[in-house]
């Protein structure tokens, strides 16, 4: 193969990868999330996906590496927000308290989305 074809192939490959990452991050950024976590999936690298009854949050714009999230915590993220709030229920007073605040740290800044 000529150098030109190889260059075009790799350019298209990387543009496609970055486009898919951007589209996923943009979609997650524009949604409003507020649910109680029913299931937590952790991949081999330590990144987390939080599942609710009807929603799934992948932390596309946020660093989820080894964070302290437990089942029955509440996840709140407003649409276009740069922050994700994790609340944990205090069983003594039956009230949720803020235990974790995540700031955006994605590949593409939220302002671009």
PDB file of N, CA and C in Angstrom:
ATOM      1  N   UNK A   1       0.833  -1.185   0.000  1.00  0.00           N
ATOM      2  CA  UNK A   1       0.000   0.000   0.000  1.00  0.00           C
ATOM      3  C   UNK A   1       0.877   1.248   0.000  1.00  0.00           C
ATOM      4  N   UNK A   2       0.394   2.239  -0.641  1.00  0.00           N
ATOM      5  CA  UNK A   2       1.166   3.472  -0.689  1.00  0.00           C
ATOM      6  C   UNK A   2       0.989   4.248   0.618  1.00  0.00           C
ATOM      7  N   UNK A   3       1.901   5.140   0.832  1.00  0.00           N
ATOM      8  CA  UNK A   3       1.884   5.958   2.041  1.00  0.00           C
ATOM      9  C   UNK A   3       0.601   6.779   2.136  1.00  0.00           C
ATOM     10  N   UNK A   4       0.129   7.255   1.011  1.00  0.00           N
ATOM     11  CA  UNK A   4      -1.078   8.082   0.972  1.00  0.00           C
ATOM     12  C   UNK A   4      -2.303   7.291   1.458  1.00  0.00           C
ATOM     13  N   UNK A   5      -2.429   6.046   1.023  1.00  0.00           N
ATOM     14  CA  UNK A   5      -3.556   5.212   1.436  1.00  0.00           C
ATOM     15  C   UNK A   5      -3.496   4.895   2.925  1.00  0.00           C
ATOM     16  N   UNK A   6      -2.308   4.622   3.421  1.00  0.00           N
ATOM     17  CA  UNK A   6      -2.136   4.338   4.845  1.00  0.00           C
ATOM     18  C   UNK A   6      -2.497   5.570   5.673  1.00  0.00           C
ATOM     19  N   UNK A   7      -2.048   6.720   5.239  1.00  0.00           N
ATOM     20  CA  UNK A   7      -2.345   7.963   5.938  1.00  0.00           C
ATOM     21  C   UNK A   7      -3.851   8.240   5.956  1.00  0.00           C
ATOM     22  N   UNK A   8      -4.515   8.041   4.836  1.00  0.00           N
ATOM     23  CA  UNK A   8      -5.964   8.247   4.755  1.00  0.00           C
ATOM     24  C   UNK A   8      -6.692   7.254   5.660  1.00  0.00           C
ATOM     25  N   UNK A   9      -6.272   5.999   5.646  1.00  0.00           N
ATOM     26  CA  UNK A   9      -6.906   4.981   6.486  1.00  0.00           C
ATOM     27  C   UNK A   9      -6.822   5.348   7.964  1.00  0.00           C
ATOM     28  N   UNK A  10      -5.616   5.670   8.443  1.00  0.00           N
ATOM     29  CA  UNK A  10      -5.451   5.990   9.859  1.00  0.00           C
ATOM     30  C   UNK A  10      -6.150   7.294  10.235  1.00  0.00           C
ATOM     31  N   UNK A  11      -6.172   8.249   9.339  1.00  0.00           N
ATOM     32  CA  UNK A  11      -6.895   9.500   9.597  1.00  0.00           C
ATOM     33  C   UNK A  11      -8.385   9.232   9.772  1.00  0.00           C
ATOM     34  N   UNK A  12      -8.956   8.449   8.871  1.00  0.00           N
ATOM     35  CA  UNK A  12     -10.376   8.104   8.976  1.00  0.00           C
ATOM     36  C   UNK A  12     -10.662   7.275  10.224  1.00  0.00           C
ATOM     37  N   UNK A  13      -9.770   6.364  10.545  1.00  0.00           N
ATOM     38  CA  UNK A  13      -9.931   5.525  11.728  1.00  0.00           C
ATOM     39  C   UNK A  13      -9.993   6.379  12.997  1.00  0.00           C
ATOM     40  N   UNK A  14      -9.023   7.278  13.174  1.00  0.00           N
ATOM     41  CA  UNK A  14      -8.997   8.115  14.372  1.00  0.00           C
ATOM     42  C   UNK A  14     -10.145   9.113  14.408  1.00  0.00           C
ATOM     43  N   UNK A  15     -10.529   9.643  13.269  1.00  0.00           N
ATOM     44  CA  UNK A  15     -11.691  10.549  13.217  1.00  0.00           C
ATOM     45  C   UNK A  15     -12.964   9.813  13.626  1.00  0.00           C
ATOM     46  N   UNK A  16     -13.108   8.577  13.190  1.00  0.00           N
ATOM     47  CA  UNK A  16     -14.278   7.778  13.558  1.00  0.00           C
ATOM     48  C   UNK A  16     -14.299   7.500  15.057  1.00  0.00           C
ATOM     49  N   UNK A  17     -13.174   7.115  15.616  1.00  0.00           N
ATOM     50  CA  UNK A  17     -13.086   6.830  17.054  1.00  0.00           C
ATOM     51  C   UNK A  17     -13.437   8.072  17.869  1.00  0.00           C
ATOM     52  N   UNK A  18     -12.822   9.210  17.538  1.00  0.00           N
ATOM     53  CA  UNK A  18     -13.107  10.439  18.282  1.00  0.00           C
ATOM     54  C   UNK A  18     -14.550  10.891  18.096  1.00  0.00           C
ATOM     55  N   UNK A  19     -15.109  10.675  16.929  1.00  0.00           N
ATOM     56  CA  UNK A  19     -16.513  11.036  16.688  1.00  0.00           C
ATOM     57  C   UNK A  19     -17.440  10.203  17.565  1.00  0.00           C
ATOM     58  N   UNK A  20     -17.181   8.910  17.669  1.00  0.00           N
ATOM     59  CA  UNK A  20     -18.011   8.043  18.508  1.00  0.00           C
ATOM     60  C   UNK A  20     -17.899   8.416  19.989  1.00  0.00           C
ATOM     61  N   UNK A  21     -16.699   8.733  20.439  1.00  0.00           N
ATOM     62  CA  UNK A  21     -16.504   9.164  21.826  1.00  0.00           C
ATOM     63  C   UNK A  21     -17.264  10.461  22.076  1.00  0.00           C
ATOM     64  N   UNK A  22     -17.160  11.395  21.141  1.00  0.00           N
ATOM     65  CA  UNK A  22     -17.837  12.684  21.277  1.00  0.00           C
ATOM     66  C   UNK A  22     -19.359  12.520  21.305  1.00  0.00           C
ATOM     67  N   UNK A  23     -19.893  11.697  20.421  1.00  0.00           N
ATOM     68  CA  UNK A  23     -21.345  11.495  20.354  1.00  0.00           C
ATOM     69  C   UNK A  23     -21.860  10.873  21.649  1.00  0.00           C
ATOM     70  N   UNK A  24     -21.145   9.893  22.185  1.00  0.00           N
ATOM     71  CA  UNK A  24     -21.546   9.255  23.443  1.00  0.00           C
ATOM     72  C   UNK A  24     -21.499  10.251  24.605  1.00  0.00           C
ATOM     73  N   UNK A  25     -20.431  11.035  24.683  1.00  0.00           N
ATOM     74  CA  UNK A  25     -20.305  12.022  25.754  1.00  0.00           C
ATOM     75  C   UNK A  25     -21.376  13.106  25.630  1.00  0.00           C
ATOM     76  N   UNK A  26     -21.660  13.524  24.413  1.00  0.00           N
ATOM     77  CA  UNK A  26     -22.675  14.561  24.181  1.00  0.00           C
ATOM     78  C   UNK A  26     -24.068  14.066  24.586  1.00  0.00           C
ATOM     79  N   UNK A  27     -24.363  12.830  24.224  1.00  0.00           N
ATOM     80  CA  UNK A  27     -25.666  12.249  24.563  1.00  0.00           C
ATOM     81  C   UNK A  27     -25.846  12.183  26.079  1.00  0.00           C
ATOM     82  N   UNK A  28     -24.812  11.712  26.780  1.00  0.00           N
ATOM     83  CA  UNK A  28     -24.894  11.608  28.231  1.00  0.00           C
ATOM     84  C   UNK A  28     -24.974  12.988  28.878  1.00  0.00           C
ATOM     85  N   UNK A  29     -24.282  13.965  28.314  1.00  0.00           N
ATOM     86  CA  UNK A  29     -24.281  15.314  28.870  1.00  0.00           C
ATOM     87  C   UNK A  29     -25.649  15.981  28.766  1.00  0.00           C
ATOM     88  N   UNK A  30     -26.369  15.724  27.708  1.00  0.00           N
ATOM     89  CA  UNK A  30     -27.658  16.381  27.480  1.00  0.00           C
ATOM     90  C   UNK A  30     -28.808  15.745  28.260  1.00  0.00           C
ATOM     91  N   UNK A  31     -28.582  14.602  28.851  1.00  0.00           N
ATOM     92  CA  UNK A  31     -29.631  13.926  29.620  1.00  0.00           C
ATOM     93  C   UNK A  31     -29.605  14.340  31.083  1.00  0.00           C
ATOM     94  N   UNK A  32     -30.763  14.259  31.696  1.00  0.00           N
ATOM     95  CA  UNK A  32     -30.937  14.541  33.108  1.00  0.00           C
ATOM     96  C   UNK A  32     -31.018  13.192  33.832  1.00  0.00           C
ATOM     97  N   UNK A  33     -30.195  12.996  34.846  1.00  0.00           N
ATOM     98  CA  UNK A  33     -30.181  11.729  35.575  1.00  0.00           C
ATOM     99  C   UNK A  33     -30.533  11.979  37.033  1.00  0.00           C
ATOM    100  N   UNK A  34     -31.412  11.164  37.555  1.00  0.00           N
ATOM    101  CA  UNK A  34     -31.748  11.186  38.975  1.00  0.00           C
ATOM    102  C   UNK A  34     -32.373   9.836  39.303  1.00  0.00           C
ATOM    103  N   UNK A  35     -31.562   8.939  39.853  1.00  0.00           N
ATOM    104  CA  UNK A  35     -32.062   7.600  40.152  1.00  0.00           C
ATOM    105  C   UNK A  35     -31.273   6.961  41.281  1.00  0.00           C
ATOM    106  N   UNK A  36     -31.871   5.951  41.876  1.00  0.00           N
ATOM    107  CA  UNK A  36     -31.209   5.144  42.899  1.00  0.00           C
ATOM    108  C   UNK A  36     -30.477   4.021  42.181  1.00  0.00           C
ATOM    109  N   UNK A  37     -29.225   3.837  42.526  1.00  0.00           N
ATOM    110  CA  UNK A  37     -28.381   2.840  41.868  1.00  0.00           C
ATOM    111  C   UNK A  37     -28.787   1.443  42.333  1.00  0.00           C
ATOM    112  N   UNK A  38     -29.132   0.590  41.367  1.00  0.00           N
ATOM    113  CA  UNK A  38     -29.530  -0.783  41.685  1.00  0.00           C
ATOM    114  C   UNK A  38     -28.438  -1.790  41.348  1.00  0.00           C
ATOM    115  N   UNK A  39     -27.526  -1.402  40.465  1.00  0.00           N
ATOM    116  CA  UNK A  39     -26.459  -2.316  40.049  1.00  0.00           C
ATOM    117  C   UNK A  39     -25.248  -1.493  39.640  1.00  0.00           C
ATOM    118  N   UNK A  40     -24.068  -1.993  39.978  1.00  0.00           N
ATOM    119  CA  UNK A  40     -22.818  -1.327  39.621  1.00  0.00           C
ATOM    120  C   UNK A  40     -21.963  -2.313  38.846  1.00  0.00           C
ATOM    121  N   UNK A  41     -21.533  -1.895  37.662  1.00  0.00           N
ATOM    122  CA  UNK A  41     -20.641  -2.722  36.844  1.00  0.00           C
ATOM    123  C   UNK A  41     -19.264  -2.077  36.828  1.00  0.00           C
ATOM    124  N   UNK A  42     -18.242  -2.869  37.132  1.00  0.00           N
ATOM    125  CA  UNK A  42     -16.870  -2.379  37.097  1.00  0.00           C
ATOM    126  C   UNK A  42     -16.102  -3.218  36.090  1.00  0.00           C
ATOM    127  N   UNK A  43     -15.439  -2.540  35.139  1.00  0.00           N
ATOM    128  CA  UNK A  43     -14.687  -3.293  34.138  1.00  0.00           C
ATOM    129  C   UNK A  43     -13.293  -3.629  34.664  1.00  0.00           C
ATOM    130  N   UNK A  44     -12.501  -4.284  33.852  1.00  0.00           N
ATOM    131  CA  UNK A  44     -11.176  -4.742  34.263  1.00  0.00           C
ATOM    132  C   UNK A  44     -10.243  -3.582  34.610  1.00  0.00           C
ATOM    133  N   UNK A  45     -10.474  -2.420  34.022  1.00  0.00           N
ATOM    134  CA  UNK A  45      -9.627  -1.253  34.288  1.00  0.00           C
ATOM    135  C   UNK A  45     -10.080  -0.469  35.516  1.00  0.00           C
ATOM    136  N   UNK A  46     -11.211  -0.847  36.114  1.00  0.00           N
ATOM    137  CA  UNK A  46     -11.691  -0.172  37.309  1.00  0.00           C
ATOM    138  C   UNK A  46     -12.699   0.926  37.050  1.00  0.00           C
ATOM    139  N   UNK A  47     -13.146   1.082  35.809  1.00  0.00           N
ATOM    140  CA  UNK A  47     -14.140   2.107  35.489  1.00  0.00           C
ATOM    141  C   UNK A  47     -15.541   1.574  35.736  1.00  0.00           C
ATOM    142  N   UNK A  48     -16.423   2.442  36.214  1.00  0.00           N
ATOM    143  CA  UNK A  48     -17.733   2.031  36.708  1.00  0.00           C
ATOM    144  C   UNK A  48     -18.859   2.524  35.811  1.00  0.00           C
ATOM    145  N   UNK A  49     -19.897   1.700  35.705  1.00  0.00           N
ATOM    146  CA  UNK A  49     -21.173   2.081  35.104  1.00  0.00           C
ATOM    147  C   UNK A  49     -22.233   1.846  36.167  1.00  0.00           C
ATOM    148  N   UNK A  50     -23.052   2.880  36.411  1.00  0.00           N
ATOM    149  CA  UNK A  50     -24.115   2.776  37.412  1.00  0.00           C
ATOM    150  C   UNK A  50     -25.446   2.564  36.712  1.00  0.00           C
ATOM    151  N   UNK A  51     -26.187   1.564  37.172  1.00  0.00           N
ATOM    152  CA  UNK A  51     -27.493   1.249  36.597  1.00  0.00           C
ATOM    153  C   UNK A  51     -28.587   1.533  37.609  1.00  0.00           C
ATOM    154  N   UNK A  52     -29.676   2.122  37.112  1.00  0.00           N
ATOM    155  CA  UNK A  52     -30.891   2.287  37.897  1.00  0.00           C
ATOM    156  C   UNK A  52     -31.924   1.332  37.355  1.00  0.00           C
ATOM    157  N   UNK A  53     -33.168   1.505  37.761  1.00  0.00           N
ATOM    158  CA  UNK A  53     -34.235   0.635  37.272  1.00  0.00           C
ATOM    159  C   UNK A  53     -34.421   0.813  35.767  1.00  0.00           C
ATOM    160  N   UNK A  54     -34.436   2.065  35.294  1.00  0.00           N
ATOM    161  CA  UNK A  54     -34.657   2.324  33.872  1.00  0.00           C
ATOM    162  C   UNK A  54     -33.522   3.079  33.202  1.00  0.00           C
ATOM    163  N   UNK A  55     -32.538   3.538  33.956  1.00  0.00           N
ATOM    164  CA  UNK A  55     -31.464   4.355  33.388  1.00  0.00           C
ATOM    165  C   UNK A  55     -30.108   3.735  33.660  1.00  0.00           C
ATOM    166  N   UNK A  56     -29.150   4.143  32.823  1.00  0.00           N
ATOM    167  CA  UNK A  56     -27.770   3.686  32.950  1.00  0.00           C
ATOM    168  C   UNK A  56     -26.878   4.908  32.779  1.00  0.00           C
ATOM    169  N   UNK A  57     -25.905   5.083  33.669  1.00  0.00           N
ATOM    170  CA  UNK A  57     -24.985   6.213  33.593  1.00  0.00           C
ATOM    171  C   UNK A  57     -23.579   5.671  33.432  1.00  0.00           C
ATOM    172  N   UNK A  58     -22.907   6.070  32.347  1.00  0.00           N
ATOM    173  CA  UNK A  58     -21.598   5.509  32.007  1.00  0.00           C
ATOM    174  C   UNK A  58     -20.416   6.383  32.407  1.00  0.00           C
ATOM    175  N   UNK A  59     -20.645   7.550  32.969  1.00  0.00           N
ATOM    176  CA  UNK A  59     -19.575   8.460  33.371  1.00  0.00           C
ATOM    177  C   UNK A  59     -18.682   8.844  32.193  1.00  0.00           C
ATOM    178  N   UNK A  60     -19.268   9.106  31.030  1.00  0.00           N
ATOM    179  CA  UNK A  60     -18.495   9.446  29.830  1.00  0.00           C
ATOM    180  C   UNK A  60     -17.678  10.719  30.014  1.00  0.00           C
ATOM    181  N   UNK A  61     -18.193  11.689  30.726  1.00  0.00           N
ATOM    182  CA  UNK A  61     -17.491  12.955  30.938  1.00  0.00           C
ATOM    183  C   UNK A  61     -16.855  13.062  32.321  1.00  0.00           C
ATOM    184  N   UNK A  62     -16.913  11.999  33.091  1.00  0.00           N
ATOM    185  CA  UNK A  62     -16.469  12.057  34.479  1.00  0.00           C
ATOM    186  C   UNK A  62     -15.544  10.885  34.776  1.00  0.00           C
ATOM    187  N   UNK A  63     -14.592  11.106  35.667  1.00  0.00           N
ATOM    188  CA  UNK A  63     -13.658  10.054  36.039  1.00  0.00           C
ATOM    189  C   UNK A  63     -14.335   9.136  37.050  1.00  0.00           C
ATOM    190  N   UNK A  64     -14.539   7.896  36.664  1.00  0.00           N
ATOM    191  CA  UNK A  64     -15.199   6.939  37.561  1.00  0.00           C
ATOM    192  C   UNK A  64     -14.231   5.880  38.068  1.00  0.00           C
ATOM    193  N   UNK A  65     -12.953   6.135  37.954  1.00  0.00           N
ATOM    194  CA  UNK A  65     -11.963   5.134  38.335  1.00  0.00           C
ATOM    195  C   UNK A  65     -11.937   4.953  39.852  1.00  0.00           C
ATOM    196  N   UNK A  66     -12.318   3.760  40.295  1.00  0.00           N
ATOM    197  CA  UNK A  66     -12.245   3.365  41.712  1.00  0.00           C
ATOM    198  C   UNK A  66     -12.931   4.358  42.651  1.00  0.00           C
ATOM    199  N   UNK A  67     -14.126   4.794  42.313  1.00  0.00           N
ATOM    200  CA  UNK A  67     -14.854   5.697  43.197  1.00  0.00           C
ATOM    201  C   UNK A  67     -15.743   4.893  44.140  1.00  0.00           C
ATOM    202  N   UNK A  68     -16.056   5.489  45.264  1.00  0.00           N
ATOM    203  CA  UNK A  68     -16.827   4.809  46.308  1.00  0.00           C
ATOM    204  C   UNK A  68     -18.322   4.971  46.056  1.00  0.00           C
ATOM    205  N   UNK A  69     -18.864   4.126  45.199  1.00  0.00           N
ATOM    206  CA  UNK A  69     -20.298   4.102  44.939  1.00  0.00           C
ATOM    207  C   UNK A  69     -20.806   2.735  45.374  1.00  0.00           C
ATOM    208  N   UNK A  70     -21.941   2.743  46.041  1.00  0.00           N
ATOM    209  CA  UNK A  70     -22.537   1.495  46.499  1.00  0.00           C
ATOM    210  C   UNK A  70     -23.957   1.370  45.979  1.00  0.00           C
ATOM    211  N   UNK A  71     -24.443   0.154  45.991  1.00  0.00           N
ATOM    212  CA  UNK A  71     -25.840  -0.099  45.644  1.00  0.00           C
ATOM    213  C   UNK A  71     -26.727   0.674  46.619  1.00  0.00           C
ATOM    214  N   UNK A  72     -27.827   1.203  46.134  1.00  0.00           N
ATOM    215  CA  UNK A  72     -28.798   2.011  46.880  1.00  0.00           C
ATOM    216  C   UNK A  72     -28.354   3.456  47.102  1.00  0.00           C
ATOM    217  N   UNK A  73     -27.199   3.866  46.555  1.00  0.00           N
ATOM    218  CA  UNK A  73     -26.849   5.284  46.536  1.00  0.00           C
ATOM    219  C   UNK A  73     -27.714   5.968  45.490  1.00  0.00           C
ATOM    220  N   UNK A  74     -27.831   7.272  45.595  1.00  0.00           N
ATOM    221  CA  UNK A  74     -28.612   8.042  44.635  1.00  0.00           C
ATOM    222  C   UNK A  74     -27.665   8.870  43.773  1.00  0.00           C
ATOM    223  N   UNK A  75     -27.851   8.818  42.462  1.00  0.00           N
ATOM    224  CA  UNK A  75     -27.029   9.569  41.515  1.00  0.00           C
ATOM    225  C   UNK A  75     -27.876  10.696  40.934  1.00  0.00           C
ATOM    226  N   UNK A  76     -27.333  11.914  40.948  1.00  0.00           N
ATOM    227  CA  UNK A  76     -28.045  13.076  40.408  1.00  0.00           C
ATOM    228  C   UNK A  76     -27.100  13.845  39.501  1.00  0.00           C
ATOM    229  N   UNK A  77     -27.550  14.072  38.258  1.00  0.00           N
ATOM    230  CA  UNK A  77     -26.827  14.920  37.306  1.00  0.00           C
ATOM    231  C   UNK A  77     -27.857  15.652  36.469  1.00  0.00           C
ATOM    232  N   UNK A  78     -27.817  16.953  36.545  1.00  0.00           N
ATOM    233  CA  UNK A  78     -28.718  17.765  35.739  1.00  0.00           C
ATOM    234  C   UNK A  78     -28.178  17.851  34.316  1.00  0.00           C
ATOM    235  N   UNK A  79     -29.057  18.075  33.358  1.00  0.00           N
ATOM    236  CA  UNK A  79     -28.641  18.209  31.959  1.00  0.00           C
ATOM    237  C   UNK A  79     -27.665  19.376  31.828  1.00  0.00           C
ATOM    238  N   UNK A  80     -26.609  19.176  31.058  1.00  0.00           N
ATOM    239  CA  UNK A  80     -25.559  20.159  30.776  1.00  0.00           C
ATOM    240  C   UNK A  80     -24.744  20.548  32.010  1.00  0.00           C
ATOM    241  N   UNK A  81     -24.843  19.781  33.077  1.00  0.00           N
ATOM    242  CA  UNK A  81     -24.114  20.082  34.305  1.00  0.00           C
ATOM    243  C   UNK A  81     -22.685  19.553  34.225  1.00  0.00           C
ATOM    244  N   UNK A  82     -21.776  20.236  34.913  1.00  0.00           N
ATOM    245  CA  UNK A  82     -20.383  19.799  34.983  1.00  0.00           C
ATOM    246  C   UNK A  82     -20.115  18.987  36.247  1.00  0.00           C
ATOM    247  N   UNK A  83     -21.174  18.651  36.979  1.00  0.00           N
ATOM    248  CA  UNK A  83     -21.020  17.928  38.237  1.00  0.00           C
ATOM    249  C   UNK A  83     -22.012  16.766  38.339  1.00  0.00           C
ATOM    250  N   UNK A  84     -21.553  15.693  38.988  1.00  0.00           N
ATOM    251  CA  UNK A  84     -22.408  14.554  39.327  1.00  0.00           C
ATOM    252  C   UNK A  84     -22.377  14.433  40.845  1.00  0.00           C
ATOM    253  N   UNK A  85     -23.557  14.309  41.428  1.00  0.00           N
ATOM    254  CA  UNK A  85     -23.690  14.197  42.872  1.00  0.00           C
ATOM    255  C   UNK A  85     -24.100  12.771  43.226  1.00  0.00           C
ATOM    256  N   UNK A  86     -23.415  12.198  44.208  1.00  0.00           N
ATOM    257  CA  UNK A  86     -23.758  10.876  44.723  1.00  0.00           C
ATOM    258  C   UNK A  86     -24.178  11.051  46.183  1.00  0.00           C
ATOM    259  N   UNK A  87     -25.395  10.599  46.468  1.00  0.00           N
ATOM    260  CA  UNK A  87     -25.945  10.691  47.822  1.00  0.00           C
ATOM    261  C   UNK A  87     -26.093   9.287  48.400  1.00  0.00           C
ATOM    262  N   UNK A  88     -25.853   9.177  49.704  1.00  0.00           N
ATOM    263  CA  UNK A  88     -26.022   7.902  50.398  1.00  0.00           C
ATOM    264  C   UNK A  88     -27.050   8.076  51.509  1.00  0.00           C
ATOM    265  N   UNK A  89     -27.919   7.087  51.623  1.00  0.00           N
ATOM    266  CA  UNK A  89     -29.003   7.158  52.604  1.00  0.00           C
ATOM    267  C   UNK A  89     -28.486   6.820  53.999  1.00  0.00           C
ATOM    268  N   UNK A  90     -28.756   7.718  54.936  1.00  0.00           N
ATOM    269  CA  UNK A  90     -28.454   7.480  56.343  1.00  0.00           C
ATOM    270  C   UNK A  90     -29.665   6.765  56.937  1.00  0.00           C
ATOM    271  N   UNK A  91     -29.502   5.506  57.270  1.00  0.00           N
ATOM    272  CA  UNK A  91     -30.639   4.691  57.701  1.00  0.00           C
ATOM    273  C   UNK A  91     -31.192   5.109  59.062  1.00  0.00           C
ATOM    274  N   UNK A  92     -30.397   5.809  59.852  1.00  0.00           N
ATOM    275  CA  UNK A  92     -30.870   6.246  61.168  1.00  0.00           C
ATOM    276  C   UNK A  92     -31.922   7.342  61.041  1.00  0.00           C
ATOM    277  N   UNK A  93     -31.677   8.280  60.134  1.00  0.00           N
ATOM    278  CA  UNK A  93     -32.616   9.403  59.992  1.00  0.00           C
ATOM    279  C   UNK A  93     -33.422   9.327  58.698  1.00  0.00           C
ATOM    280  N   UNK A  94     -33.193   8.279  57.901  1.00  0.00           N
ATOM    281  CA  UNK A  94     -33.921   8.049  56.652  1.00  0.00           C
ATOM    282  C   UNK A  94     -33.829   9.251  55.707  1.00  0.00           C
ATOM    283  N   UNK A  95     -32.586   9.748  55.544  1.00  0.00           N
ATOM    284  CA  UNK A  95     -32.351  10.911  54.696  1.00  0.00           C
ATOM    285  C   UNK A  95     -31.060  10.693  53.907  1.00  0.00           C
ATOM    286  N   UNK A  96     -31.023  11.232  52.674  1.00  0.00           N
ATOM    287  CA  UNK A  96     -29.830  11.115  51.841  1.00  0.00           C
ATOM    288  C   UNK A  96     -28.856  12.251  52.144  1.00  0.00           C
ATOM    289  N   UNK A  97     -27.567  11.905  52.253  1.00  0.00           N
ATOM    290  CA  UNK A  97     -26.499  12.881  52.473  1.00  0.00           C
ATOM    291  C   UNK A  97     -25.507  12.801  51.321  1.00  0.00           C
ATOM    292  N   UNK A  98     -24.955  13.940  50.934  1.00  0.00           N
ATOM    293  CA  UNK A  98     -23.964  13.992  49.866  1.00  0.00           C
ATOM    294  C   UNK A  98     -22.677  13.308  50.324  1.00  0.00           C
ATOM    295  N   UNK A  99     -22.212  12.316  49.545  1.00  0.00           N
ATOM    296  CA  UNK A  99     -20.971  11.622  49.892  1.00  0.00           C
ATOM    297  C   UNK A  99     -19.894  11.800  48.832  1.00  0.00           C
ATOM    298  N   UNK A 100     -20.289  12.195  47.619  1.00  0.00           N
ATOM    299  CA  UNK A 100     -19.308  12.304  46.548  1.00  0.00           C
ATOM    300  C   UNK A 100     -19.765  13.325  45.520  1.00  0.00           C
ATOM    301  N   UNK A 101     -18.844  14.176  45.101  1.00  0.00           N
ATOM    302  CA  UNK A 101     -19.100  15.156  44.057  1.00  0.00           C
ATOM    303  C   UNK A 101     -18.026  14.975  42.994  1.00  0.00           C
ATOM    304  N   UNK A 102     -18.445  14.654  41.772  1.00  0.00           N
ATOM    305  CA  UNK A 102     -17.505  14.447  40.672  1.00  0.00           C
ATOM    306  C   UNK A 102     -17.575  15.624  39.711  1.00  0.00           C
ATOM    307  N   UNK A 103     -16.416  16.168  39.361  1.00  0.00           N
ATOM    308  CA  UNK A 103     -16.342  17.229  38.359  1.00  0.00           C
ATOM    309  C   UNK A 103     -16.032  16.619  37.003  1.00  0.00           C
ATOM    310  N   UNK A 104     -16.411  17.315  35.945  1.00  0.00           N
ATOM    311  CA  UNK A 104     -16.197  16.779  34.598  1.00  0.00           C
ATOM    312  C   UNK A 104     -14.718  16.672  34.293  1.00  0.00           C
ATOM    313  N   UNK A 105     -14.380  15.599  33.611  1.00  0.00           N
ATOM    314  CA  UNK A 105     -12.987  15.349  33.246  1.00  0.00           C
ATOM    315  C   UNK A 105     -12.914  14.539  31.963  1.00  0.00           C
ATOM    316  N   UNK A 106     -13.814  14.801  31.047  1.00  0.00           N
ATOM    317  CA  UNK A 106     -13.892  14.016  29.822  1.00  0.00           C
ATOM    318  C   UNK A 106     -12.877  14.430  28.779  1.00  0.00           C
ATOM    319  N   UNK A 107     -12.839  13.677  27.697  1.00  0.00           N
ATOM    320  CA  UNK A 107     -11.958  13.967  26.575  1.00  0.00           C
ATOM    321  C   UNK A 107     -12.323  15.298  25.936  1.00  0.00           C
ATOM    322  N   UNK A 108     -13.618  15.535  25.799  1.00  0.00           N
ATOM    323  CA  UNK A 108     -14.120  16.773  25.221  1.00  0.00           C
ATOM    324  C   UNK A 108     -14.779  17.590  26.325  1.00  0.00           C
ATOM    325  N   UNK A 109     -14.426  18.868  26.474  1.00  0.00           N
ATOM    326  CA  UNK A 109     -15.077  19.691  27.501  1.00  0.00           C
ATOM    327  C   UNK A 109     -16.582  19.755  27.288  1.00  0.00           C
ATOM    328  N   UNK A 110     -17.329  19.805  28.375  1.00  0.00           N
ATOM    329  CA  UNK A 110     -18.783  19.862  28.298  1.00  0.00           C
ATOM    330  C   UNK A 110     -19.235  21.111  27.550  1.00  0.00           C
ATOM    331  N   UNK A 111     -18.456  22.181  27.628  1.00  0.00           N
ATOM    332  CA  UNK A 111     -18.819  23.420  26.933  1.00  0.00           C
ATOM    333  C   UNK A 111     -18.919  23.220  25.424  1.00  0.00           C
ATOM    334  N   UNK A 112     -18.216  22.251  24.867  1.00  0.00           N
ATOM    335  CA  UNK A 112     -18.262  21.981  23.420  1.00  0.00           C
ATOM    336  C   UNK A 112     -19.530  21.239  23.031  1.00  0.00           C
ATOM    337  N   UNK A 113     -20.218  20.659  23.991  1.00  0.00           N
ATOM    338  CA  UNK A 113     -21.315  19.760  23.694  1.00  0.00           C
ATOM    339  C   UNK A 113     -22.628  20.483  23.734  1.00  0.00           C
TER     340      UNK A 113
END
